[in-house]
């Protein structure tokens, strides 16, 4: 028995399997790209929503003078030397 009699049609079957494998690979790549696109879209919407919420959220009120917590000191130079002011108001 020679090789051509036993392997009759194996070239066609191999070509079909290669084409099928390439098609499955292409479909998998397309599915991965679609998934990545929608994942990036969801993350982008979450970031945009957080930025919008931070922009529209009311600002924190300043603590009353004498309240416990970190203080903001402001220093300025005068002809007599440095002056440090606490609880200064911004212009």
N, C-alpha and C. Protein backbone atom coordinates (compact mmCIF):
# COMPACT_ATOMS: atom_id res chain seq x y z
N UNK A 1 0.84 -1.17 0.00
CA UNK A 1 0.00 0.00 0.00
C UNK A 1 0.89 1.24 0.00
N UNK A 2 0.62 2.11 -0.90
CA UNK A 2 1.44 3.32 -0.96
C UNK A 2 0.77 4.45 -0.15
N UNK A 3 1.48 5.54 0.04
CA UNK A 3 1.02 6.62 0.91
C UNK A 3 -0.17 7.37 0.31
N UNK A 4 -0.26 7.41 -1.00
CA UNK A 4 -1.37 8.17 -1.59
C UNK A 4 -2.69 7.44 -1.41
N UNK A 5 -2.69 6.15 -1.31
CA UNK A 5 -3.93 5.41 -1.14
C UNK A 5 -4.46 5.53 0.29
N UNK A 6 -3.57 5.57 1.27
CA UNK A 6 -4.02 5.65 2.66
C UNK A 6 -4.36 7.08 3.09
N UNK A 7 -3.71 8.06 2.50
CA UNK A 7 -3.90 9.46 2.89
C UNK A 7 -4.79 10.21 1.91
N UNK A 8 -5.62 9.49 1.19
CA UNK A 8 -6.48 10.15 0.21
C UNK A 8 -7.44 11.11 0.92
N UNK A 9 -7.43 12.37 0.56
CA UNK A 9 -8.31 13.37 1.15
C UNK A 9 -7.76 14.04 2.39
N UNK A 10 -6.59 13.63 2.86
CA UNK A 10 -6.06 14.23 4.09
C UNK A 10 -5.63 15.68 3.86
N UNK A 11 -5.21 16.00 2.66
CA UNK A 11 -4.86 17.39 2.37
C UNK A 11 -6.09 18.28 2.45
N UNK A 12 -7.20 17.83 1.93
CA UNK A 12 -8.42 18.63 2.00
C UNK A 12 -8.90 18.77 3.44
N UNK A 13 -8.79 17.69 4.20
CA UNK A 13 -9.20 17.74 5.60
C UNK A 13 -8.29 18.67 6.40
N UNK A 14 -7.00 18.61 6.15
CA UNK A 14 -6.05 19.49 6.83
C UNK A 14 -6.31 20.95 6.50
N UNK A 15 -6.59 21.24 5.23
CA UNK A 15 -6.87 22.61 4.84
C UNK A 15 -8.16 23.11 5.51
N UNK A 16 -9.15 22.22 5.58
CA UNK A 16 -10.40 22.60 6.24
C UNK A 16 -10.19 22.87 7.73
N UNK A 17 -9.38 22.04 8.38
CA UNK A 17 -9.12 22.25 9.80
C UNK A 17 -8.32 23.52 10.05
N UNK A 18 -7.37 23.81 9.17
CA UNK A 18 -6.61 25.07 9.30
C UNK A 18 -7.52 26.27 9.12
N UNK A 19 -8.40 26.23 8.14
CA UNK A 19 -9.33 27.33 7.90
C UNK A 19 -10.29 27.50 9.08
N UNK A 20 -10.75 26.38 9.62
CA UNK A 20 -11.64 26.44 10.79
C UNK A 20 -10.91 27.01 12.00
N UNK A 21 -9.69 26.59 12.21
CA UNK A 21 -8.89 27.12 13.33
C UNK A 21 -8.64 28.61 13.18
N UNK A 22 -8.35 29.05 11.95
CA UNK A 22 -8.14 30.48 11.71
C UNK A 22 -9.42 31.27 11.96
N UNK A 23 -10.56 30.72 11.57
CA UNK A 23 -11.84 31.38 11.80
C UNK A 23 -12.13 31.48 13.30
N UNK A 24 -11.87 30.43 14.05
CA UNK A 24 -12.08 30.45 15.50
C UNK A 24 -11.15 31.47 16.15
N UNK A 25 -9.91 31.53 15.69
CA UNK A 25 -8.96 32.50 16.21
C UNK A 25 -9.41 33.93 15.93
N UNK A 26 -9.89 34.18 14.72
CA UNK A 26 -10.36 35.52 14.37
C UNK A 26 -11.59 35.90 15.19
N UNK A 27 -12.51 34.96 15.39
CA UNK A 27 -13.68 35.25 16.21
C UNK A 27 -13.31 35.52 17.66
N UNK A 28 -12.36 34.77 18.17
CA UNK A 28 -11.89 35.01 19.54
C UNK A 28 -11.22 36.37 19.68
N UNK A 29 -10.43 36.76 18.70
CA UNK A 29 -9.78 38.07 18.74
C UNK A 29 -10.82 39.19 18.66
N UNK A 30 -11.82 39.02 17.81
CA UNK A 30 -12.87 40.04 17.70
C UNK A 30 -13.66 40.14 19.01
N UNK A 31 -13.96 39.01 19.63
CA UNK A 31 -14.67 39.01 20.89
C UNK A 31 -13.84 39.68 21.99
N UNK A 32 -12.54 39.42 22.01
CA UNK A 32 -11.66 40.06 23.00
C UNK A 32 -11.61 41.57 22.79
N UNK A 33 -11.54 42.02 21.54
CA UNK A 33 -11.51 43.45 21.27
C UNK A 33 -12.82 44.12 21.67
N UNK A 34 -13.94 43.48 21.41
CA UNK A 34 -15.23 44.04 21.81
C UNK A 34 -15.32 44.12 23.32
N UNK A 35 -14.89 43.07 24.01
CA UNK A 35 -14.91 43.07 25.47
C UNK A 35 -14.01 44.18 26.02
N UNK A 36 -12.82 44.35 25.46
CA UNK A 36 -11.89 45.39 25.92
C UNK A 36 -12.47 46.77 25.67
N UNK A 37 -13.13 46.97 24.53
CA UNK A 37 -13.74 48.26 24.23
C UNK A 37 -14.81 48.61 25.25
N UNK A 38 -15.71 47.67 25.54
CA UNK A 38 -16.77 47.96 26.49
C UNK A 38 -16.25 48.10 27.92
N UNK A 39 -15.21 47.36 28.27
CA UNK A 39 -14.60 47.53 29.59
C UNK A 39 -13.99 48.92 29.72
N UNK A 40 -13.29 49.38 28.68
CA UNK A 40 -12.72 50.73 28.70
C UNK A 40 -13.81 51.79 28.73
N UNK A 41 -14.91 51.54 28.06
CA UNK A 41 -16.03 52.47 28.07
C UNK A 41 -16.63 52.58 29.47
N UNK A 42 -16.80 51.46 30.14
CA UNK A 42 -17.35 51.47 31.50
C UNK A 42 -16.41 52.20 32.46
N UNK A 43 -15.12 51.92 32.37
CA UNK A 43 -14.15 52.59 33.23
C UNK A 43 -14.13 54.09 32.95
N UNK A 44 -14.18 54.48 31.69
CA UNK A 44 -14.22 55.90 31.33
C UNK A 44 -15.46 56.60 31.87
N UNK A 45 -16.60 55.93 31.79
CA UNK A 45 -17.83 56.52 32.34
C UNK A 45 -17.75 56.64 33.86
N UNK A 46 -17.14 55.67 34.52
CA UNK A 46 -16.98 55.76 35.97
C UNK A 46 -16.08 56.93 36.35
N UNK A 47 -15.00 57.13 35.63
CA UNK A 47 -14.08 58.23 35.93
C UNK A 47 -14.75 59.56 35.65
N UNK A 48 -15.50 59.66 34.53
CA UNK A 48 -16.19 60.90 34.21
C UNK A 48 -17.27 61.20 35.25
N UNK A 49 -17.98 60.17 35.70
CA UNK A 49 -18.99 60.38 36.73
C UNK A 49 -18.39 60.84 38.04
N UNK A 50 -17.26 60.25 38.42
CA UNK A 50 -16.59 60.67 39.65
C UNK A 50 -16.09 62.11 39.54
N UNK A 51 -15.54 62.48 38.40
CA UNK A 51 -15.07 63.85 38.21
C UNK A 51 -16.23 64.84 38.26
N UNK A 52 -17.34 64.48 37.65
CA UNK A 52 -18.51 65.36 37.68
C UNK A 52 -19.06 65.47 39.09
N UNK A 53 -19.11 64.37 39.83
CA UNK A 53 -19.61 64.41 41.21
C UNK A 53 -18.70 65.25 42.10
N UNK A 54 -17.39 65.14 41.90
CA UNK A 54 -16.46 65.95 42.70
C UNK A 54 -16.59 67.43 42.35
N UNK A 55 -16.88 67.71 41.10
CA UNK A 55 -17.02 69.11 40.67
C UNK A 55 -18.29 69.74 41.23
N UNK A 56 -19.37 68.97 41.29
CA UNK A 56 -20.65 69.52 41.72
C UNK A 56 -20.89 69.38 43.22
N UNK A 57 -20.06 68.58 43.91
CA UNK A 57 -20.25 68.38 45.34
C UNK A 57 -19.93 69.67 46.08
N UNK A 58 -20.71 70.05 47.10
CA UNK A 58 -20.41 71.29 47.82
C UNK A 58 -19.07 71.21 48.55
N UNK A 59 -18.41 72.35 48.62
CA UNK A 59 -17.10 72.40 49.27
C UNK A 59 -17.24 72.24 50.77
N UNK A 60 -16.20 71.74 51.41
CA UNK A 60 -16.21 71.60 52.85
C UNK A 60 -16.17 72.97 53.51
N UNK A 61 -16.88 73.09 54.60
CA UNK A 61 -16.85 74.35 55.35
C UNK A 61 -15.58 74.40 56.18
N UNK A 62 -15.06 75.60 56.35
CA UNK A 62 -13.86 75.76 57.15
C UNK A 62 -14.21 75.58 58.62
N UNK A 63 -13.30 75.00 59.39
CA UNK A 63 -13.57 74.86 60.82
C UNK A 63 -13.56 76.21 61.52
N UNK A 64 -14.33 76.30 62.56
CA UNK A 64 -14.40 77.56 63.32
C UNK A 64 -13.06 77.82 63.99
N UNK A 65 -12.71 79.11 64.19
CA UNK A 65 -11.45 79.42 64.88
C UNK A 65 -11.42 78.79 66.27
N UNK A 66 -10.30 78.22 66.60
CA UNK A 66 -10.15 77.57 67.89
C UNK A 66 -10.54 76.10 67.88
N UNK A 67 -11.09 75.62 66.78
CA UNK A 67 -11.48 74.21 66.70
C UNK A 67 -10.23 73.35 66.57
N UNK A 68 -10.31 72.14 67.07
CA UNK A 68 -9.14 71.26 66.98
C UNK A 68 -8.96 70.80 65.54
N UNK A 69 -7.74 70.56 65.19
CA UNK A 69 -7.44 70.11 63.84
C UNK A 69 -6.27 70.89 63.28
N UNK A 70 -5.88 70.58 62.04
CA UNK A 70 -4.73 71.27 61.45
C UNK A 70 -5.07 72.73 61.17
N UNK A 71 -4.11 73.60 61.43
CA UNK A 71 -4.28 75.02 61.19
C UNK A 71 -3.48 75.42 59.97
N UNK A 72 -3.97 76.42 59.27
CA UNK A 72 -3.25 76.97 58.14
C UNK A 72 -2.63 78.29 58.59
N UNK A 73 -1.34 78.37 58.50
CA UNK A 73 -0.63 79.59 58.88
C UNK A 73 -0.22 80.34 57.63
N UNK A 74 -0.31 81.64 57.70
CA UNK A 74 0.11 82.47 56.58
C UNK A 74 1.15 83.46 57.09
N UNK A 75 2.28 83.53 56.42
CA UNK A 75 3.35 84.42 56.84
C UNK A 75 3.62 85.44 55.75
N UNK A 76 3.93 86.65 56.20
CA UNK A 76 4.30 87.69 55.24
C UNK A 76 5.42 88.53 55.85
N UNK A 77 6.20 89.07 54.98
CA UNK A 77 7.34 89.86 55.45
C UNK A 77 6.93 91.33 55.53
N UNK A 78 7.24 91.95 56.63
CA UNK A 78 6.98 93.38 56.83
C UNK A 78 8.32 94.07 57.08
N UNK A 79 8.31 95.40 57.08
CA UNK A 79 9.58 96.09 57.37
C UNK A 79 10.13 95.78 58.75
N UNK A 80 9.25 95.41 59.69
CA UNK A 80 9.70 95.10 61.05
C UNK A 80 10.12 93.64 61.20
N UNK A 81 9.84 92.79 60.20
CA UNK A 81 10.18 91.37 60.28
C UNK A 81 9.02 90.53 59.75
N UNK A 82 9.06 89.26 60.06
CA UNK A 82 8.03 88.34 59.58
C UNK A 82 6.84 88.37 60.51
N UNK A 83 5.64 88.33 59.91
CA UNK A 83 4.39 88.27 60.67
C UNK A 83 3.68 86.99 60.26
N UNK A 84 3.31 86.19 61.25
CA UNK A 84 2.58 84.96 61.00
C UNK A 84 1.15 85.15 61.47
N UNK A 85 0.21 84.93 60.57
CA UNK A 85 -1.20 85.11 60.89
C UNK A 85 -1.88 83.74 60.84
N UNK A 86 -2.77 83.50 61.79
CA UNK A 86 -3.57 82.28 61.78
C UNK A 86 -4.99 82.63 61.40
N UNK A 87 -5.68 81.70 60.78
CA UNK A 87 -7.08 81.85 60.39
C UNK A 87 -7.31 83.11 59.55
N UNK A 88 -6.38 83.37 58.65
CA UNK A 88 -6.54 84.54 57.79
C UNK A 88 -7.61 84.26 56.72
N UNK A 89 -8.16 85.30 56.22
CA UNK A 89 -9.16 85.16 55.15
C UNK A 89 -8.48 85.47 53.83
N UNK A 90 -8.87 84.72 52.80
CA UNK A 90 -8.31 84.95 51.48
C UNK A 90 -9.08 86.04 50.78
N UNK A 91 -8.38 86.80 49.97
CA UNK A 91 -9.04 87.88 49.21
C UNK A 91 -9.58 87.36 47.91
